[in-house]
Amino acid sequence: MLSWVVTFLIIALIAGVLGFGGIAGASVEIAKAIFFIAVILFLVSAVIGLVRGRSNV
């Protein structure tokens, strides 16, 4: 999922350099949204892992 963030960030940077402001802005917003979704999923996964504990397998 974080690879999508990096992809959209690179698209935004290239579009910004080439002068495509609308595309750059949209790509940055998509990258931010995916990043925050990834952070939320990580936190949920960490909490679930702490609640379940470790098994001795």
PDB file of N, CA and C in Angstrom:
ATOM      1  N   MET A   1       0.821  -1.183   0.000  1.00  0.00           N
ATOM      2  CA  MET A   1       0.000   0.000   0.000  1.00  0.00           C
ATOM      3  C   MET A   1       0.869   1.251   0.000  1.00  0.00           C
ATOM      4  N   LEU A   2       1.979   1.190   0.709  1.00  0.00           N
ATOM      5  CA  LEU A   2       2.846   2.362   0.720  1.00  0.00           C
ATOM      6  C   LEU A   2       3.519   2.592  -0.630  1.00  0.00           C
ATOM      7  N   SER A   3       3.609   1.540  -1.435  1.00  0.00           N
ATOM      8  CA  SER A   3       4.169   1.741  -2.775  1.00  0.00           C
ATOM      9  C   SER A   3       3.249   2.622  -3.616  1.00  0.00           C
ATOM     10  N   TRP A   4       1.933   2.525  -3.371  1.00  0.00           N
ATOM     11  CA  TRP A   4       0.992   3.413  -4.072  1.00  0.00           C
ATOM     12  C   TRP A   4       1.212   4.856  -3.658  1.00  0.00           C
ATOM     13  N   VAL A   5       1.508   5.078  -2.373  1.00  0.00           N
ATOM     14  CA  VAL A   5       1.769   6.433  -1.889  1.00  0.00           C
ATOM     15  C   VAL A   5       2.983   7.011  -2.603  1.00  0.00           C
ATOM     16  N   VAL A   6       4.032   6.220  -2.680  1.00  0.00           N
ATOM     17  CA  VAL A   6       5.251   6.685  -3.346  1.00  0.00           C
ATOM     18  C   VAL A   6       4.984   6.942  -4.828  1.00  0.00           C
ATOM     19  N   THR A   7       4.206   6.075  -5.464  1.00  0.00           N
ATOM     20  CA  THR A   7       3.882   6.253  -6.884  1.00  0.00           C
ATOM     21  C   THR A   7       3.143   7.559  -7.120  1.00  0.00           C
ATOM     22  N   PHE A   8       2.100   7.821  -6.331  1.00  0.00           N
ATOM     23  CA  PHE A   8       1.350   9.059  -6.518  1.00  0.00           C
ATOM     24  C   PHE A   8       2.172  10.279  -6.148  1.00  0.00           C
ATOM     25  N   LEU A   9       3.070  10.152  -5.173  1.00  0.00           N
ATOM     26  CA  LEU A   9       3.933  11.265  -4.820  1.00  0.00           C
ATOM     27  C   LEU A   9       4.893  11.593  -5.959  1.00  0.00           C
ATOM     28  N   ILE A  10       5.445  10.580  -6.603  1.00  0.00           N
ATOM     29  CA  ILE A  10       6.342  10.807  -7.737  1.00  0.00           C
ATOM     30  C   ILE A  10       5.575  11.426  -8.901  1.00  0.00           C
ATOM     31  N   ILE A  11       4.360  10.945  -9.155  1.00  0.00           N
ATOM     32  CA  ILE A  11       3.533  11.534 -10.211  1.00  0.00           C
ATOM     33  C   ILE A  11       3.272  12.998  -9.909  1.00  0.00           C
ATOM     34  N   ALA A  12       2.987  13.308  -8.644  1.00  0.00           N
ATOM     35  CA  ALA A  12       2.721  14.694  -8.255  1.00  0.00           C
ATOM     36  C   ALA A  12       3.948  15.568  -8.450  1.00  0.00           C
ATOM     37  N   LEU A  13       5.114  15.054  -8.089  1.00  0.00           N
ATOM     38  CA  LEU A  13       6.337  15.842  -8.254  1.00  0.00           C
ATOM     39  C   LEU A  13       6.649  16.104  -9.722  1.00  0.00           C
ATOM     40  N   ILE A  14       6.508  15.079 -10.547  1.00  0.00           N
ATOM     41  CA  ILE A  14       6.777  15.247 -11.983  1.00  0.00           C
ATOM     42  C   ILE A  14       5.766  16.200 -12.601  1.00  0.00           C
ATOM     43  N   ALA A  15       4.494  16.045 -12.245  1.00  0.00           N
ATOM     44  CA  ALA A  15       3.465  16.931 -12.791  1.00  0.00           C
ATOM     45  C   ALA A  15       3.682  18.367 -12.327  1.00  0.00           C
ATOM     46  N   GLY A  16       4.122  18.542 -11.095  1.00  0.00           N
ATOM     47  CA  GLY A  16       4.400  19.889 -10.596  1.00  0.00           C
ATOM     48  C   GLY A  16       5.545  20.550 -11.329  1.00  0.00           C
ATOM     49  N   VAL A  17       6.591  19.779 -11.615  1.00  0.00           N
ATOM     50  CA  VAL A  17       7.740  20.319 -12.343  1.00  0.00           C
ATOM     51  C   VAL A  17       7.346  20.694 -13.766  1.00  0.00           C
ATOM     52  N   LEU A  18       6.485  19.894 -14.383  1.00  0.00           N
ATOM     53  CA  LEU A  18       6.079  20.152 -15.759  1.00  0.00           C
ATOM     54  C   LEU A  18       4.977  21.209 -15.861  1.00  0.00           C
ATOM     55  N   GLY A  19       4.430  21.646 -14.728  1.00  0.00           N
ATOM     56  CA  GLY A  19       3.455  22.718 -14.742  1.00  0.00           C
ATOM     57  C   GLY A  19       2.006  22.279 -14.778  1.00  0.00           C
ATOM     58  N   PHE A  20       1.744  21.013 -14.526  1.00  0.00           N
ATOM     59  CA  PHE A  20       0.373  20.528 -14.486  1.00  0.00           C
ATOM     60  C   PHE A  20      -0.126  20.605 -13.044  1.00  0.00           C
ATOM     61  N   GLY A  21      -0.595  21.775 -12.638  1.00  0.00           N
ATOM     62  CA  GLY A  21      -0.982  22.014 -11.248  1.00  0.00           C
ATOM     63  C   GLY A  21      -2.140  21.169 -10.789  1.00  0.00           C
ATOM     64  N   GLY A  22      -3.138  20.988 -11.631  1.00  0.00           N
ATOM     65  CA  GLY A  22      -4.315  20.205 -11.235  1.00  0.00           C
ATOM     66  C   GLY A  22      -3.986  18.752 -11.003  1.00  0.00           C
ATOM     67  N   ILE A  23      -3.201  18.184 -11.896  1.00  0.00           N
ATOM     68  CA  ILE A  23      -2.809  16.773 -11.755  1.00  0.00           C
ATOM     69  C   ILE A  23      -1.911  16.600 -10.538  1.00  0.00           C
ATOM     70  N   ALA A  24      -1.012  17.553 -10.317  1.00  0.00           N
ATOM     71  CA  ALA A  24      -0.108  17.464  -9.167  1.00  0.00           C
ATOM     72  C   ALA A  24      -0.893  17.532  -7.865  1.00  0.00           C
ATOM     73  N   GLY A  25      -1.845  18.449  -7.802  1.00  0.00           N
ATOM     74  CA  GLY A  25      -2.649  18.579  -6.588  1.00  0.00           C
ATOM     75  C   GLY A  25      -3.476  17.337  -6.312  1.00  0.00           C
ATOM     76  N   ALA A  26      -4.067  16.782  -7.359  1.00  0.00           N
ATOM     77  CA  ALA A  26      -4.874  15.572  -7.194  1.00  0.00           C
ATOM     78  C   ALA A  26      -4.001  14.400  -6.751  1.00  0.00           C
ATOM     79  N   SER A  27      -2.819  14.277  -7.315  1.00  0.00           N
ATOM     80  CA  SER A  27      -1.922  13.180  -6.946  1.00  0.00           C
ATOM     81  C   SER A  27      -1.461  13.301  -5.499  1.00  0.00           C
ATOM     82  N   VAL A  28      -1.201  14.519  -5.056  1.00  0.00           N
ATOM     83  CA  VAL A  28      -0.793  14.720  -3.662  1.00  0.00           C
ATOM     84  C   VAL A  28      -1.926  14.339  -2.726  1.00  0.00           C
ATOM     85  N   GLU A  29      -3.149  14.727  -3.065  1.00  0.00           N
ATOM     86  CA  GLU A  29      -4.290  14.387  -2.213  1.00  0.00           C
ATOM     87  C   GLU A  29      -4.506  12.874  -2.150  1.00  0.00           C
ATOM     88  N   ILE A  30      -4.367  12.197  -3.276  1.00  0.00           N
ATOM     89  CA  ILE A  30      -4.512  10.738  -3.290  1.00  0.00           C
ATOM     90  C   ILE A  30      -3.414  10.084  -2.455  1.00  0.00           C
ATOM     91  N   ALA A  31      -2.181  10.578  -2.596  1.00  0.00           N
ATOM     92  CA  ALA A  31      -1.060  10.022  -1.827  1.00  0.00           C
ATOM     93  C   ALA A  31      -1.287  10.219  -0.332  1.00  0.00           C
ATOM     94  N   LYS A  32      -1.772  11.400   0.067  1.00  0.00           N
ATOM     95  CA  LYS A  32      -2.039  11.646   1.489  1.00  0.00           C
ATOM     96  C   LYS A  32      -3.138  10.738   2.006  1.00  0.00           C
ATOM     97  N   ALA A  33      -4.183  10.565   1.230  1.00  0.00           N
ATOM     98  CA  ALA A  33      -5.295   9.715   1.664  1.00  0.00           C
ATOM     99  C   ALA A  33      -4.841   8.279   1.843  1.00  0.00           C
ATOM    100  N   ILE A  34      -4.100   7.747   0.888  1.00  0.00           N
ATOM    101  CA  ILE A  34      -3.620   6.365   0.981  1.00  0.00           C
ATOM    102  C   ILE A  34      -2.649   6.222   2.151  1.00  0.00           C
ATOM    103  N   PHE A  35      -1.812   7.237   2.376  1.00  0.00           N
ATOM    104  CA  PHE A  35      -0.872   7.191   3.505  1.00  0.00           C
ATOM    105  C   PHE A  35      -1.617   7.101   4.830  1.00  0.00           C
ATOM    106  N   PHE A  36      -2.637   7.930   5.006  1.00  0.00           N
ATOM    107  CA  PHE A  36      -3.373   7.911   6.265  1.00  0.00           C
ATOM    108  C   PHE A  36      -4.154   6.611   6.443  1.00  0.00           C
ATOM    109  N   ILE A  37      -4.659   6.053   5.365  1.00  0.00           N
ATOM    110  CA  ILE A  37      -5.319   4.753   5.448  1.00  0.00           C
ATOM    111  C   ILE A  37      -4.320   3.689   5.883  1.00  0.00           C
ATOM    112  N   ALA A  38      -3.103   3.735   5.339  1.00  0.00           N
ATOM    113  CA  ALA A  38      -2.071   2.770   5.717  1.00  0.00           C
ATOM    114  C   ALA A  38      -1.701   2.917   7.189  1.00  0.00           C
ATOM    115  N   VAL A  39      -1.603   4.148   7.682  1.00  0.00           N
ATOM    116  CA  VAL A  39      -1.272   4.369   9.091  1.00  0.00           C
ATOM    117  C   VAL A  39      -2.387   3.825   9.983  1.00  0.00           C
ATOM    118  N   ILE A  40      -3.639   4.075   9.623  1.00  0.00           N
ATOM    119  CA  ILE A  40      -4.762   3.580  10.416  1.00  0.00           C
ATOM    120  C   ILE A  40      -4.780   2.053  10.434  1.00  0.00           C
ATOM    121  N   LEU A  41      -4.558   1.428   9.274  1.00  0.00           N
ATOM    122  CA  LEU A  41      -4.526  -0.034   9.230  1.00  0.00           C
ATOM    123  C   LEU A  41      -3.378  -0.598  10.062  1.00  0.00           C
ATOM    124  N   PHE A  42      -2.231   0.080  10.057  1.00  0.00           N
ATOM    125  CA  PHE A  42      -1.114  -0.351  10.876  1.00  0.00           C
ATOM    126  C   PHE A  42      -1.457  -0.283  12.358  1.00  0.00           C
ATOM    127  N   LEU A  43      -2.076   0.825  12.778  1.00  0.00           N
ATOM    128  CA  LEU A  43      -2.434   0.973  14.184  1.00  0.00           C
ATOM    129  C   LEU A  43      -3.460  -0.071  14.615  1.00  0.00           C
ATOM    130  N   VAL A  44      -4.442  -0.333  13.768  1.00  0.00           N
ATOM    131  CA  VAL A  44      -5.437  -1.360  14.081  1.00  0.00           C
ATOM    132  C   VAL A  44      -4.759  -2.721  14.199  1.00  0.00           C
ATOM    133  N   SER A  45      -3.857  -3.019  13.293  1.00  0.00           N
ATOM    134  CA  SER A  45      -3.141  -4.289  13.329  1.00  0.00           C
ATOM    135  C   SER A  45      -2.283  -4.407  14.585  1.00  0.00           C
ATOM    136  N   ALA A  46      -1.638  -3.313  14.984  1.00  0.00           N
ATOM    137  CA  ALA A  46      -0.809  -3.329  16.187  1.00  0.00           C
ATOM    138  C   ALA A  46      -1.660  -3.551  17.434  1.00  0.00           C
ATOM    139  N   VAL A  47      -2.794  -2.894  17.516  1.00  0.00           N
ATOM    140  CA  VAL A  47      -3.671  -3.067  18.678  1.00  0.00           C
ATOM    141  C   VAL A  47      -4.202  -4.492  18.736  1.00  0.00           C
ATOM    142  N   ILE A  48      -4.625  -5.022  17.614  1.00  0.00           N
ATOM    143  CA  ILE A  48      -5.122  -6.403  17.590  1.00  0.00           C
ATOM    144  C   ILE A  48      -4.006  -7.369  17.986  1.00  0.00           C
ATOM    145  N   GLY A  49      -2.795  -7.118  17.530  1.00  0.00           N
ATOM    146  CA  GLY A  49      -1.671  -7.971  17.903  1.00  0.00           C
ATOM    147  C   GLY A  49      -1.376  -7.922  19.383  1.00  0.00           C
ATOM    148  N   LEU A  50      -1.498  -6.745  19.987  1.00  0.00           N
ATOM    149  CA  LEU A  50      -1.270  -6.624  21.430  1.00  0.00           C
ATOM    150  C   LEU A  50      -2.375  -7.304  22.228  1.00  0.00           C
ATOM    151  N   VAL A  51      -3.599  -7.197  21.759  1.00  0.00           N
ATOM    152  CA  VAL A  51      -4.738  -7.798  22.466  1.00  0.00           C
ATOM    153  C   VAL A  51      -4.648  -9.320  22.405  1.00  0.00           C
ATOM    154  N   ARG A  52      -4.334  -9.841  21.242  1.00  0.00           N
ATOM    155  CA  ARG A  52      -4.284 -11.306  21.082  1.00  0.00           C
ATOM    156  C   ARG A  52      -3.070 -11.899  21.778  1.00  0.00           C
ATOM    157  N   GLY A  53      -2.002 -11.162  21.853  1.00  0.00           N
ATOM    158  CA  GLY A  53      -0.779 -11.675  22.478  1.00  0.00           C
ATOM    159  C   GLY A  53      -0.021 -12.591  21.539  1.00  0.00           C
ATOM    160  N   ARG A  54       1.076 -13.075  22.021  1.00  0.00           N
ATOM    161  CA  ARG A  54       1.899 -13.975  21.211  1.00  0.00           C
ATOM    162  C   ARG A  54       1.629 -15.415  21.609  1.00  0.00           C
ATOM    163  N   SER A  55       1.648 -16.283  20.624  1.00  0.00           N
ATOM    164  CA  SER A  55       1.487 -17.707  20.914  1.00  0.00           C
ATOM    165  C   SER A  55       2.868 -18.344  21.031  1.00  0.00           C
ATOM    166  N   ASN A  56       2.962 -19.427  21.748  1.00  0.00           N
ATOM    167  CA  ASN A  56       4.230 -20.114  21.967  1.00  0.00           C
ATOM    168  C   ASN A  56       4.384 -21.282  21.003  1.00  0.00           C
ATOM    169  N   VAL A  57       4.254 -21.030  19.731  1.00  0.00           N
ATOM    170  CA  VAL A  57       4.342 -22.096  18.743  1.00  0.00           C
ATOM    171  C   VAL A  57       5.747 -22.210  18.246  1.00  0.00           C
TER     172      VAL A  57
END
